[in-house]
Amino acid sequence: MSLFGDGLDAAVQKAFTRPAPKNAGPQMRYLVKQLGGTKQVAQLLRVSQRTVERYVKNQIKKPRPNLAARLEREVKKRWQPQIRAKARQKAATTGGIVVDTRARMGYTAPIGSTDQDRIRHLTVALPPRYAARLFDAQEAGATEQQLKEIAAEALKEVYFQDGGRRAGSLEEVRFTDIEHLEFDL
């Protein structure tokens, strides 16, 4: 489970115009339609093809908890792709992204400054270029650490340096011990 990746996905899912299917039967039918057959869905969810067919026909209604989680994750990953793309595009070009976090943050700076790490609760609107970098990195399969570094760089510029108006000699921001992280478009 990826804190940054899941947070970005949750932010984009807020733009959905219709709710994704909630029950196993409609979810399974949606995946069969999207992937083109029960065999592909069975391979994706790591269950037998017959199990998928039984869900499609409503012969089974209640999946095991781990299958229910995989099913929901796969449906949400594919739900309303055009709406998802428009939301990402808007955030990356005009809207930007808002990050709300409670984490331990500190920075590397010249001697004499108070660069002590401390817990901070920040809600910061990041410019569109950072939203674009976060979404592009996520699509390219970036690791959790790479996404964290992009977010730390954005917080350095927007929060600590205030767009170049202060703390010009700041070298690096440390972003650790994340207690809460949420993105919004």
Foldseek 3Di string as FASTA:
>chain_A
DFQLLVQLLVQLLVQDPDDFDQWQQSLLVVVCVVVVHLCVVCVQLVHDSVVSVCSPVVVDTDDDPVSSVSSVVVRSVPPPPVSSVVVLVCCLPPQPKKKWWWFWKFFDFDPPDPRDTDTDTDIFGFHNNLSNVLVVCVVVPHDSVVSVQSVQVRCCCCPVCVNVVDPVRIDGMDTDDIPDIHMHD
